[in-house]
């Protein structure tokens, strides 16, 4: 029973993270921060197909999921990636992958019997 609660707690913890990453624009922002490091909204909106205000809204959604944080640098607000939630997502996806591998192994053993 506690194992089920633990799995449910992990799922509850991961849900906002996956919801935030589920939007293509937010995923592009995260990818850009991964590659180019901390950036201002001006830099993040360069080449984007959405407005600066839209980028700001997406950054706040990402911040709500703990994926980014901001700090002031002079007059600019700089946004940077927070990698810890991505590690949570990575561990969760690895766990799901292991479950699938085990299920496929059981199916293979059943079919081969």
PDB file of N, CA and C in Angstrom:
ATOM      1  N   UNK A   1       0.815  -1.192   0.000  1.00  0.00           N
ATOM      2  CA  UNK A   1       0.000   0.000   0.000  1.00  0.00           C
ATOM      3  C   UNK A   1       0.863   1.264   0.000  1.00  0.00           C
ATOM      4  N   UNK A   2       1.933   1.290   0.805  1.00  0.00           N
ATOM      5  CA  UNK A   2       2.795   2.472   0.831  1.00  0.00           C
ATOM      6  C   UNK A   2       3.524   2.646  -0.498  1.00  0.00           C
ATOM      7  N   UNK A   3       3.780   1.530  -1.188  1.00  0.00           N
ATOM      8  CA  UNK A   3       4.429   1.616  -2.493  1.00  0.00           C
ATOM      9  C   UNK A   3       3.512   2.341  -3.477  1.00  0.00           C
ATOM     10  N   UNK A   4       2.213   2.062  -3.424  1.00  0.00           N
ATOM     11  CA  UNK A   4       1.246   2.728  -4.293  1.00  0.00           C
ATOM     12  C   UNK A   4       1.178   4.208  -3.958  1.00  0.00           C
ATOM     13  N   UNK A   5       1.163   4.540  -2.673  1.00  0.00           N
ATOM     14  CA  UNK A   5       1.160   5.944  -2.262  1.00  0.00           C
ATOM     15  C   UNK A   5       2.420   6.656  -2.715  1.00  0.00           C
ATOM     16  N   UNK A   6       3.554   5.967  -2.639  1.00  0.00           N
ATOM     17  CA  UNK A   6       4.812   6.552  -3.083  1.00  0.00           C
ATOM     18  C   UNK A   6       4.776   6.820  -4.583  1.00  0.00           C
ATOM     19  N   UNK A   7       4.270   5.872  -5.350  1.00  0.00           N
ATOM     20  CA  UNK A   7       4.151   6.067  -6.798  1.00  0.00           C
ATOM     21  C   UNK A   7       3.195   7.213  -7.095  1.00  0.00           C
ATOM     22  N   UNK A   8       2.111   7.293  -6.347  1.00  0.00           N
ATOM     23  CA  UNK A   8       1.144   8.381  -6.536  1.00  0.00           C
ATOM     24  C   UNK A   8       1.776   9.728  -6.181  1.00  0.00           C
ATOM     25  N   UNK A   9       2.587   9.757  -5.137  1.00  0.00           N
ATOM     26  CA  UNK A   9       3.266  11.001  -4.751  1.00  0.00           C
ATOM     27  C   UNK A   9       4.243  11.442  -5.838  1.00  0.00           C
ATOM     28  N   UNK A  10       4.962  10.485  -6.411  1.00  0.00           N
ATOM     29  CA  UNK A  10       5.893  10.811  -7.492  1.00  0.00           C
ATOM     30  C   UNK A  10       5.150  11.358  -8.705  1.00  0.00           C
ATOM     31  N   UNK A  11       4.030  10.735  -9.021  1.00  0.00           N
ATOM     32  CA  UNK A  11       3.222  11.187 -10.149  1.00  0.00           C
ATOM     33  C   UNK A  11       2.699  12.598  -9.897  1.00  0.00           C
ATOM     34  N   UNK A  12       2.221  12.845  -8.701  1.00  0.00           N
ATOM     35  CA  UNK A  12       1.716  14.170  -8.337  1.00  0.00           C
ATOM     36  C   UNK A  12       2.821  15.208  -8.415  1.00  0.00           C
ATOM     37  N   UNK A  13       4.014  14.835  -7.990  1.00  0.00           N
ATOM     38  CA  UNK A  13       5.167  15.742  -8.037  1.00  0.00           C
ATOM     39  C   UNK A  13       5.580  16.044  -9.473  1.00  0.00           C
ATOM     40  N   UNK A  14       5.503  15.051 -10.345  1.00  0.00           N
ATOM     41  CA  UNK A  14       5.964  15.204 -11.725  1.00  0.00           C
ATOM     42  C   UNK A  14       4.928  15.861 -12.634  1.00  0.00           C
ATOM     43  N   UNK A  15       3.657  15.804 -12.298  1.00  0.00           N
ATOM     44  CA  UNK A  15       2.597  16.288 -13.189  1.00  0.00           C
ATOM     45  C   UNK A  15       2.768  17.752 -13.609  1.00  0.00           C
ATOM     46  N   UNK A  16       2.996  18.705 -12.691  1.00  0.00           N
ATOM     47  CA  UNK A  16       3.162  20.094 -13.131  1.00  0.00           C
ATOM     48  C   UNK A  16       4.377  20.284 -14.040  1.00  0.00           C
ATOM     49  N   UNK A  17       5.406  19.518 -13.789  1.00  0.00           N
ATOM     50  CA  UNK A  17       6.605  19.589 -14.610  1.00  0.00           C
ATOM     51  C   UNK A  17       6.299  19.167 -16.043  1.00  0.00           C
ATOM     52  N   UNK A  18       5.643  18.025 -16.197  1.00  0.00           N
ATOM     53  CA  UNK A  18       5.313  17.548 -17.541  1.00  0.00           C
ATOM     54  C   UNK A  18       4.282  18.442 -18.212  1.00  0.00           C
ATOM     55  N   UNK A  19       3.377  19.006 -17.439  1.00  0.00           N
ATOM     56  CA  UNK A  19       2.403  19.943 -18.006  1.00  0.00           C
ATOM     57  C   UNK A  19       3.122  21.171 -18.560  1.00  0.00           C
ATOM     58  N   UNK A  20       4.094  21.677 -17.814  1.00  0.00           N
ATOM     59  CA  UNK A  20       4.848  22.855 -18.267  1.00  0.00           C
ATOM     60  C   UNK A  20       5.653  22.537 -19.524  1.00  0.00           C
ATOM     61  N   UNK A  21       6.223  21.352 -19.585  1.00  0.00           N
ATOM     62  CA  UNK A  21       7.034  20.972 -20.738  1.00  0.00           C
ATOM     63  C   UNK A  21       6.192  20.533 -21.932  1.00  0.00           C
ATOM     64  N   UNK A  22       4.896  20.351 -21.706  1.00  0.00           N
ATOM     65  CA  UNK A  22       4.011  19.884 -22.762  1.00  0.00           C
ATOM     66  C   UNK A  22       3.684  20.933 -23.810  1.00  0.00           C
ATOM     67  N   UNK A  23       3.997  22.175 -23.553  1.00  0.00           N
ATOM     68  CA  UNK A  23       3.737  23.240 -24.515  1.00  0.00           C
ATOM     69  C   UNK A  23       4.973  23.426 -25.397  1.00  0.00           C
ATOM     70  N   UNK A  24       4.798  23.436 -26.729  1.00  0.00           N
ATOM     71  CA  UNK A  24       5.969  23.557 -27.616  1.00  0.00           C
ATOM     72  C   UNK A  24       6.792  24.827 -27.401  1.00  0.00           C
ATOM     73  N   UNK A  25       6.128  25.945 -27.126  1.00  0.00           N
ATOM     74  CA  UNK A  25       6.872  27.194 -26.912  1.00  0.00           C
ATOM     75  C   UNK A  25       7.694  27.105 -25.634  1.00  0.00           C
ATOM     76  N   UNK A  26       7.102  26.582 -24.576  1.00  0.00           N
ATOM     77  CA  UNK A  26       7.847  26.451 -23.316  1.00  0.00           C
ATOM     78  C   UNK A  26       9.002  25.471 -23.475  1.00  0.00           C
ATOM     79  N   UNK A  27       8.776  24.413 -24.213  1.00  0.00           N
ATOM     80  CA  UNK A  27       9.846  23.446 -24.439  1.00  0.00           C
ATOM     81  C   UNK A  27      10.998  24.088 -25.216  1.00  0.00           C
ATOM     82  N   UNK A  28      10.678  24.936 -26.191  1.00  0.00           N
ATOM     83  CA  UNK A  28      11.728  25.647 -26.929  1.00  0.00           C
ATOM     84  C   UNK A  28      12.491  26.601 -26.015  1.00  0.00           C
ATOM     85  N   UNK A  29      11.783  27.271 -25.110  1.00  0.00           N
ATOM     86  CA  UNK A  29      12.439  28.187 -24.169  1.00  0.00           C
ATOM     87  C   UNK A  29      13.401  27.401 -23.269  1.00  0.00           C
ATOM     88  N   UNK A  30      12.951  26.271 -22.757  1.00  0.00           N
ATOM     89  CA  UNK A  30      13.816  25.436 -21.910  1.00  0.00           C
ATOM     90  C   UNK A  30      15.034  24.970 -22.706  1.00  0.00           C
ATOM     91  N   UNK A  31      14.817  24.521 -23.926  1.00  0.00           N
ATOM     92  CA  UNK A  31      15.936  24.068 -24.765  1.00  0.00           C
ATOM     93  C   UNK A  31      16.922  25.203 -25.010  1.00  0.00           C
ATOM     94  N   UNK A  32      16.394  26.375 -25.252  1.00  0.00           N
ATOM     95  CA  UNK A  32      17.272  27.519 -25.496  1.00  0.00           C
ATOM     96  C   UNK A  32      18.090  27.868 -24.252  1.00  0.00           C
ATOM     97  N   UNK A  33      17.457  27.815 -23.089  1.00  0.00           N
ATOM     98  CA  UNK A  33      18.183  28.080 -21.846  1.00  0.00           C
ATOM     99  C   UNK A  33      19.227  26.992 -21.580  1.00  0.00           C
ATOM    100  N   UNK A  34      18.923  25.755 -21.967  1.00  0.00           N
ATOM    101  CA  UNK A  34      19.892  24.656 -21.809  1.00  0.00           C
ATOM    102  C   UNK A  34      21.136  24.913 -22.661  1.00  0.00           C
ATOM    103  N   UNK A  35      20.914  25.335 -23.882  1.00  0.00           N
ATOM    104  CA  UNK A  35      22.021  25.506 -24.828  1.00  0.00           C
ATOM    105  C   UNK A  35      22.775  26.811 -24.606  1.00  0.00           C
ATOM    106  N   UNK A  36      22.026  27.915 -24.467  1.00  0.00           N
ATOM    107  CA  UNK A  36      22.643  29.245 -24.441  1.00  0.00           C
ATOM    108  C   UNK A  36      22.843  29.826 -23.048  1.00  0.00           C
ATOM    109  N   UNK A  37      22.341  29.154 -22.017  1.00  0.00           N
ATOM    110  CA  UNK A  37      22.494  29.652 -20.661  1.00  0.00           C
ATOM    111  C   UNK A  37      21.502  30.752 -20.337  1.00  0.00           C
ATOM    112  N   UNK A  38      21.678  31.410 -19.182  1.00  0.00           N
ATOM    113  CA  UNK A  38      20.747  32.454 -18.736  1.00  0.00           C
ATOM    114  C   UNK A  38      20.605  33.567 -19.773  1.00  0.00           C
ATOM    115  N   UNK A  39      19.358  34.038 -19.920  1.00  0.00           N
ATOM    116  CA  UNK A  39      19.079  35.068 -20.915  1.00  0.00           C
ATOM    117  C   UNK A  39      17.964  35.988 -20.454  1.00  0.00           C
ATOM    118  N   UNK A  40      17.940  37.167 -21.057  1.00  0.00           N
ATOM    119  CA  UNK A  40      16.859  38.116 -20.821  1.00  0.00           C
ATOM    120  C   UNK A  40      15.661  37.735 -21.701  1.00  0.00           C
ATOM    121  N   UNK A  41      14.525  38.312 -21.379  1.00  0.00           N
ATOM    122  CA  UNK A  41      13.333  38.083 -22.192  1.00  0.00           C
ATOM    123  C   UNK A  41      13.566  38.586 -23.607  1.00  0.00           C
ATOM    124  N   UNK A  42      14.293  39.680 -23.741  1.00  0.00           N
ATOM    125  CA  UNK A  42      14.594  40.216 -25.075  1.00  0.00           C
ATOM    126  C   UNK A  42      15.338  39.180 -25.908  1.00  0.00           C
ATOM    127  N   UNK A  43      16.361  38.577 -25.334  1.00  0.00           N
ATOM    128  CA  UNK A  43      17.118  37.558 -26.072  1.00  0.00           C
ATOM    129  C   UNK A  43      16.283  36.318 -26.332  1.00  0.00           C
ATOM    130  N   UNK A  44      15.483  35.920 -25.338  1.00  0.00           N
ATOM    131  CA  UNK A  44      14.658  34.726 -25.507  1.00  0.00           C
ATOM    132  C   UNK A  44      13.586  34.914 -26.571  1.00  0.00           C
ATOM    133  N   UNK A  45      13.127  36.142 -26.755  1.00  0.00           N
ATOM    134  CA  UNK A  45      12.081  36.373 -27.752  1.00  0.00           C
ATOM    135  C   UNK A  45      12.654  36.635 -29.146  1.00  0.00           C
ATOM    136  N   UNK A  46      13.971  36.826 -29.261  1.00  0.00           N
ATOM    137  CA  UNK A  46      14.593  36.969 -30.586  1.00  0.00           C
ATOM    138  C   UNK A  46      14.350  35.699 -31.400  1.00  0.00           C
ATOM    139  N   UNK A  47      13.763  35.868 -32.562  1.00  0.00           N
ATOM    140  CA  UNK A  47      13.513  34.734 -33.444  1.00  0.00           C
ATOM    141  C   UNK A  47      12.315  33.889 -33.058  1.00  0.00           C
ATOM    142  N   UNK A  48      11.671  34.217 -31.951  1.00  0.00           N
ATOM    143  CA  UNK A  48      10.492  33.458 -31.543  1.00  0.00           C
ATOM    144  C   UNK A  48       9.297  33.878 -32.394  1.00  0.00           C
ATOM    145  N   UNK A  49       8.371  32.972 -32.553  1.00  0.00           N
ATOM    146  CA  UNK A  49       7.182  33.254 -33.350  1.00  0.00           C
ATOM    147  C   UNK A  49       6.053  33.821 -32.499  1.00  0.00           C
ATOM    148  N   UNK A  50       6.372  34.170 -31.258  1.00  0.00           N
ATOM    149  CA  UNK A  50       5.384  34.757 -30.351  1.00  0.00           C
ATOM    150  C   UNK A  50       5.940  36.061 -29.782  1.00  0.00           C
ATOM    151  N   UNK A  51       5.074  36.840 -29.172  1.00  0.00           N
ATOM    152  CA  UNK A  51       5.467  38.140 -28.638  1.00  0.00           C
ATOM    153  C   UNK A  51       6.307  37.996 -27.377  1.00  0.00           C
ATOM    154  N   UNK A  52       6.934  39.093 -27.016  1.00  0.00           N
ATOM    155  CA  UNK A  52       7.708  39.135 -25.773  1.00  0.00           C
ATOM    156  C   UNK A  52       6.792  38.877 -24.574  1.00  0.00           C
ATOM    157  N   UNK A  53       5.572  39.403 -24.633  1.00  0.00           N
ATOM    158  CA  UNK A  53       4.616  39.180 -23.550  1.00  0.00           C
ATOM    159  C   UNK A  53       4.259  37.700 -23.437  1.00  0.00           C
ATOM    160  N   UNK A  54       4.134  37.028 -24.575  1.00  0.00           N
ATOM    161  CA  UNK A  54       3.846  35.591 -24.548  1.00  0.00           C
ATOM    162  C   UNK A  54       5.011  34.817 -23.942  1.00  0.00           C
ATOM    163  N   UNK A  55       6.228  35.200 -24.310  1.00  0.00           N
ATOM    164  CA  UNK A  55       7.409  34.547 -23.726  1.00  0.00           C
ATOM    165  C   UNK A  55       7.413  34.742 -22.218  1.00  0.00           C
ATOM    166  N   UNK A  56       7.083  35.953 -21.777  1.00  0.00           N
ATOM    167  CA  UNK A  56       7.021  36.236 -20.337  1.00  0.00           C
ATOM    168  C   UNK A  56       5.999  35.333 -19.657  1.00  0.00           C
ATOM    169  N   UNK A  57       4.843  35.184 -20.255  1.00  0.00           N
ATOM    170  CA  UNK A  57       3.794  34.318 -19.692  1.00  0.00           C
ATOM    171  C   UNK A  57       4.294  32.874 -19.603  1.00  0.00           C
ATOM    172  N   UNK A  58       4.961  32.394 -20.648  1.00  0.00           N
ATOM    173  CA  UNK A  58       5.492  31.038 -20.634  1.00  0.00           C
ATOM    174  C   UNK A  58       6.588  30.881 -19.584  1.00  0.00           C
ATOM    175  N   UNK A  59       7.418  31.893 -19.423  1.00  0.00           N
ATOM    176  CA  UNK A  59       8.464  31.830 -18.392  1.00  0.00           C
ATOM    177  C   UNK A  59       7.856  31.733 -16.996  1.00  0.00           C
ATOM    178  N   UNK A  60       6.769  32.444 -16.770  1.00  0.00           N
ATOM    179  CA  UNK A  60       6.116  32.363 -15.460  1.00  0.00           C
ATOM    180  C   UNK A  60       5.509  30.977 -15.230  1.00  0.00           C
ATOM    181  N   UNK A  61       4.982  30.363 -16.287  1.00  0.00           N
ATOM    182  CA  UNK A  61       4.473  28.992 -16.165  1.00  0.00           C
ATOM    183  C   UNK A  61       5.616  28.026 -15.841  1.00  0.00           C
ATOM    184  N   UNK A  62       6.747  28.212 -16.498  1.00  0.00           N
ATOM    185  CA  UNK A  62       7.919  27.373 -16.219  1.00  0.00           C
ATOM    186  C   UNK A  62       8.432  27.601 -14.803  1.00  0.00           C
ATOM    187  N   UNK A  63       8.397  28.849 -14.355  1.00  0.00           N
ATOM    188  CA  UNK A  63       8.826  29.158 -12.982  1.00  0.00           C
ATOM    189  C   UNK A  63       7.899  28.492 -11.975  1.00  0.00           C
ATOM    190  N   UNK A  64       6.608  28.469 -12.285  1.00  0.00           N
ATOM    191  CA  UNK A  64       5.649  27.808 -11.402  1.00  0.00           C
ATOM    192  C   UNK A  64       5.919  26.324 -11.243  1.00  0.00           C
ATOM    193  N   UNK A  65       6.501  25.723 -12.271  1.00  0.00           N
ATOM    194  CA  UNK A  65       6.863  24.303 -12.209  1.00  0.00           C
ATOM    195  C   UNK A  65       8.280  24.103 -11.668  1.00  0.00           C
ATOM    196  N   UNK A  66       8.945  25.205 -11.327  1.00  0.00           N
ATOM    197  CA  UNK A  66      10.287  25.119 -10.761  1.00  0.00           C
ATOM    198  C   UNK A  66      11.393  24.928 -11.782  1.00  0.00           C
ATOM    199  N   UNK A  67      11.074  25.092 -13.060  1.00  0.00           N
ATOM    200  CA  UNK A  67      12.068  24.845 -14.112  1.00  0.00           C
ATOM    201  C   UNK A  67      12.992  26.020 -14.378  1.00  0.00           C
ATOM    202  N   UNK A  68      12.546  27.229 -14.097  1.00  0.00           N
ATOM    203  CA  UNK A  68      13.366  28.414 -14.307  1.00  0.00           C
ATOM    204  C   UNK A  68      13.222  29.341 -13.112  1.00  0.00           C
ATOM    205  N   UNK A  69      14.173  30.241 -12.992  1.00  0.00           N
ATOM    206  CA  UNK A  69      14.058  31.309 -11.996  1.00  0.00           C
ATOM    207  C   UNK A  69      14.632  32.568 -12.611  1.00  0.00           C
ATOM    208  N   UNK A  70      14.234  33.685 -12.051  1.00  0.00           N
ATOM    209  CA  UNK A  70      14.721  34.951 -12.590  1.00  0.00           C
ATOM    210  C   UNK A  70      15.482  35.727 -11.529  1.00  0.00           C
ATOM    211  N   UNK A  71      16.330  36.617 -11.994  1.00  0.00           N
ATOM    212  CA  UNK A  71      17.018  37.550 -11.102  1.00  0.00           C
ATOM    213  C   UNK A  71      17.320  38.817 -11.899  1.00  0.00           C
ATOM    214  N   UNK A  72      17.433  39.892 -11.192  1.00  0.00           N
ATOM    215  CA  UNK A  72      17.724  41.180 -11.829  1.00  0.00           C
ATOM    216  C   UNK A  72      19.214  41.336 -12.040  1.00  0.00           C
ATOM    217  N   UNK A  73      19.522  41.863 -13.191  1.00  0.00           N
ATOM    218  CA  UNK A  73      20.901  42.225 -13.506  1.00  0.00           C
ATOM    219  C   UNK A  73      20.819  43.627 -14.100  1.00  0.00           C
ATOM    220  N   UNK A  74      21.020  44.620 -13.241  1.00  0.00           N
ATOM    221  CA  UNK A  74      20.811  46.003 -13.679  1.00  0.00           C
ATOM    222  C   UNK A  74      19.331  46.222 -13.945  1.00  0.00           C
ATOM    223  N   UNK A  75      19.022  46.674 -15.151  1.00  0.00           N
ATOM    224  CA  UNK A  75      17.628  46.920 -15.516  1.00  0.00           C
ATOM    225  C   UNK A  75      16.955  45.706 -16.138  1.00  0.00           C
ATOM    226  N   UNK A  76      17.742  44.680 -16.419  1.00  0.00           N
ATOM    227  CA  UNK A  76      17.193  43.500 -17.075  1.00  0.00           C
ATOM    228  C   UNK A  76      16.843  42.406 -16.075  1.00  0.00           C
ATOM    229  N   UNK A  77      15.853  41.619 -16.452  1.00  0.00           N
ATOM    230  CA  UNK A  77      15.524  40.405 -15.714  1.00  0.00           C
ATOM    231  C   UNK A  77      16.114  39.250 -16.509  1.00  0.00           C
ATOM    232  N   UNK A  78      16.947  38.485 -15.845  1.00  0.00           N
ATOM    233  CA  UNK A  78      17.620  37.352 -16.488  1.00  0.00           C
ATOM    234  C   UNK A  78      16.957  36.066 -15.996  1.00  0.00           C
ATOM    235  N   UNK A  79      16.657  35.190 -16.937  1.00  0.00           N
ATOM    236  CA  UNK A  79      16.028  33.905 -16.627  1.00  0.00           C
ATOM    237  C   UNK A  79      17.058  32.797 -16.808  1.00  0.00           C
ATOM    238  N   UNK A  80      17.053  31.865 -15.858  1.00  0.00           N
ATOM    239  CA  UNK A  80      17.978  30.745 -15.959  1.00  0.00           C
ATOM    240  C   UNK A  80      17.273  29.439 -15.623  1.00  0.00           C
ATOM    241  N   UNK A  81      17.768  28.388 -16.223  1.00  0.00           N
ATOM    242  CA  UNK A  81      17.222  27.056 -16.040  1.00  0.00           C
ATOM    243  C   UNK A  81      17.571  26.525 -14.658  1.00  0.00           C
ATOM    244  N   UNK A  82      16.636  25.820 -14.057  1.00  0.00           N
ATOM    245  CA  UNK A  82      16.867  25.113 -12.799  1.00  0.00           C
ATOM    246  C   UNK A  82      16.851  23.623 -13.128  1.00  0.00           C
ATOM    247  N   UNK A  83      18.001  22.961 -13.157  1.00  0.00           N
ATOM    248  CA  UNK A  83      18.063  21.582 -13.654  1.00  0.00           C
ATOM    249  C   UNK A  83      17.451  20.521 -12.746  1.00  0.00           C
ATOM    250  N   UNK A  84      17.263  20.785 -11.471  1.00  0.00           N
ATOM    251  CA  UNK A  84      16.766  19.751 -10.554  1.00  0.00           C
ATOM    252  C   UNK A  84      15.424  19.157 -11.004  1.00  0.00           C
ATOM    253  N   UNK A  85      14.442  19.965 -11.410  1.00  0.00           N
ATOM    254  CA  UNK A  85      13.189  19.355 -11.869  1.00  0.00           C
ATOM    255  C   UNK A  85      13.361  18.478 -13.109  1.00  0.00           C
ATOM    256  N   UNK A  86      14.312  18.819 -13.959  1.00  0.00           N
ATOM    257  CA  UNK A  86      14.563  17.972 -15.124  1.00  0.00           C
ATOM    258  C   UNK A  86      15.132  16.619 -14.700  1.00  0.00           C
ATOM    259  N   UNK A  87      15.903  16.617 -13.627  1.00  0.00           N
ATOM    260  CA  UNK A  87      16.405  15.348 -13.086  1.00  0.00           C
ATOM    261  C   UNK A  87      15.250  14.500 -12.567  1.00  0.00           C
ATOM    262  N   UNK A  88      14.274  15.135 -11.933  1.00  0.00           N
ATOM    263  CA  UNK A  88      13.082  14.417 -11.463  1.00  0.00           C
ATOM    264  C   UNK A  88      12.364  13.789 -12.653  1.00  0.00           C
ATOM    265  N   UNK A  89      12.192  14.570 -13.725  1.00  0.00           N
ATOM    266  CA  UNK A  89      11.532  14.064 -14.927  1.00  0.00           C
ATOM    267  C   UNK A  89      12.322  12.904 -15.519  1.00  0.00           C
ATOM    268  N   UNK A  90      13.637  13.048 -15.552  1.00  0.00           N
ATOM    269  CA  UNK A  90      14.495  11.994 -16.090  1.00  0.00           C
ATOM    270  C   UNK A  90      14.332  10.708 -15.295  1.00  0.00           C
ATOM    271  N   UNK A  91      14.374  10.810 -13.976  1.00  0.00           N
ATOM    272  CA  UNK A  91      14.206   9.626 -13.125  1.00  0.00           C
ATOM    273  C   UNK A  91      12.832   9.000 -13.331  1.00  0.00           C
ATOM    274  N   UNK A  92      11.806   9.833 -13.430  1.00  0.00           N
ATOM    275  CA  UNK A  92      10.452   9.327 -13.605  1.00  0.00           C
ATOM    276  C   UNK A  92      10.318   8.593 -14.942  1.00  0.00           C
ATOM    277  N   UNK A  93      10.854   9.184 -16.008  1.00  0.00           N
ATOM    278  CA  UNK A  93      10.789   8.536 -17.322  1.00  0.00           C
ATOM    279  C   UNK A  93      11.608   7.250 -17.345  1.00  0.00           C
ATOM    280  N   UNK A  94      12.737   7.220 -16.649  1.00  0.00           N
ATOM    281  CA  UNK A  94      13.517   5.981 -16.549  1.00  0.00           C
ATOM    282  C   UNK A  94      12.724   4.905 -15.828  1.00  0.00           C
ATOM    283  N   UNK A  95      11.993   5.297 -14.784  1.00  0.00           N
ATOM    284  CA  UNK A  95      11.168   4.349 -14.037  1.00  0.00           C
ATOM    285  C   UNK A  95      10.087   3.764 -14.950  1.00  0.00           C
ATOM    286  N   UNK A  96       9.435   4.601 -15.719  1.00  0.00           N
ATOM    287  CA  UNK A  96       8.414   4.127 -16.652  1.00  0.00           C
ATOM    288  C   UNK A  96       9.042   3.206 -17.696  1.00  0.00           C
ATOM    289  N   UNK A  97      10.208   3.560 -18.185  1.00  0.00           N
ATOM    290  CA  UNK A  97      10.911   2.736 -19.173  1.00  0.00           C
ATOM    291  C   UNK A  97      11.232   1.358 -18.598  1.00  0.00           C
ATOM    292  N   UNK A  98      11.680   1.317 -17.354  1.00  0.00           N
ATOM    293  CA  UNK A  98      11.979   0.041 -16.701  1.00  0.00           C
ATOM    294  C   UNK A  98      10.714  -0.803 -16.571  1.00  0.00           C
ATOM    295  N   UNK A  99       9.592  -0.166 -16.244  1.00  0.00           N
ATOM    296  CA  UNK A  99       8.328  -0.895 -16.140  1.00  0.00           C
ATOM    297  C   UNK A  99       7.933  -1.485 -17.495  1.00  0.00           C
ATOM    298  N   UNK A 100       8.098  -0.708 -18.559  1.00  0.00           N
ATOM    299  CA  UNK A 100       7.779  -1.204 -19.896  1.00  0.00           C
ATOM    300  C   UNK A 100       8.697  -2.358 -20.277  1.00  0.00           C
ATOM    301  N   UNK A 101       9.983  -2.221 -19.982  1.00  0.00           N
ATOM    302  CA  UNK A 101      10.919  -3.301 -20.290  1.00  0.00           C
ATOM    303  C   UNK A 101      10.528  -4.584 -19.563  1.00  0.00           C
ATOM    304  N   UNK A 102      10.130  -4.467 -18.298  1.00  0.00           N
ATOM    305  CA  UNK A 102       9.709  -5.636 -17.526  1.00  0.00           C
ATOM    306  C   UNK A 102       8.434  -6.238 -18.119  1.00  0.00           C
ATOM    307  N   UNK A 103       7.498  -5.390 -18.519  1.00  0.00           N
ATOM    308  CA  UNK A 103       6.251  -5.882 -19.118  1.00  0.00           C
ATOM    309  C   UNK A 103       6.527  -6.595 -20.437  1.00  0.00           C
ATOM    310  N   UNK A 104       7.410  -6.052 -21.241  1.00  0.00           N
ATOM    311  CA  UNK A 104       7.755  -6.684 -22.509  1.00  0.00           C
ATOM    312  C   UNK A 104       8.460  -8.018 -22.258  1.00  0.00           C
ATOM    313  N   UNK A 105       9.314  -8.052 -21.250  1.00  0.00           N
ATOM    314  CA  UNK A 105       9.980  -9.305 -20.886  1.00  0.00           C
ATOM    315  C   UNK A 105       8.986 -10.366 -20.458  1.00  0.00           C
ATOM    316  N   UNK A 106       7.983  -9.978 -19.661  1.00  0.00           N
ATOM    317  CA  UNK A 106       6.956 -10.935 -19.244  1.00  0.00           C
ATOM    318  C   UNK A 106       6.150 -11.425 -20.446  1.00  0.00           C
ATOM    319  N   UNK A 107       5.811 -10.507 -21.354  1.00  0.00           N
ATOM    320  CA  UNK A 107       5.059 -10.877 -22.547  1.00  0.00           C
ATOM    321  C   UNK A 107       5.871 -11.845 -23.416  1.00  0.00           C
ATOM    322  N   UNK A 108       7.154 -11.557 -23.578  1.00  0.00           N
ATOM    323  CA  UNK A 108       8.020 -12.426 -24.370  1.00  0.00           C
ATOM    324  C   UNK A 108       8.074 -13.812 -23.758  1.00  0.00           C
ATOM    325  N   UNK A 109       8.257 -13.880 -22.437  1.00  0.00           N
ATOM    326  CA  UNK A 109       8.317 -15.182 -21.750  1.00  0.00           C
ATOM    327  C   UNK A 109       7.000 -15.935 -21.914  1.00  0.00           C
ATOM    328  N   UNK A 110       5.892 -15.245 -21.825  1.00  0.00           N
ATOM    329  CA  UNK A 110       4.572 -15.864 -21.990  1.00  0.00           C
ATOM    330  C   UNK A 110       4.411 -16.408 -23.404  1.00  0.00           C
ATOM    331  N   UNK A 111       4.784 -15.621 -24.410  1.00  0.00           N
ATOM    332  CA  UNK A 111       4.630 -16.036 -25.806  1.00  0.00           C
ATOM    333  C   UNK A 111       5.541 -17.227 -26.117  1.00  0.00           C
ATOM    334  N   UNK A 112       6.727 -17.240 -25.546  1.00  0.00           N
ATOM    335  CA  UNK A 112       7.684 -18.300 -25.828  1.00  0.00           C
ATOM    336  C   UNK A 112       7.350 -19.611 -25.112  1.00  0.00           C
ATOM    337  N   UNK A 113       6.453 -19.579 -24.127  1.00  0.00           N
ATOM    338  CA  UNK A 113       6.096 -20.807 -23.383  1.00  0.00           C
ATOM    339  C   UNK A 113       5.321 -21.773 -24.217  1.00  0.00           C
TER     340      UNK A 113
END
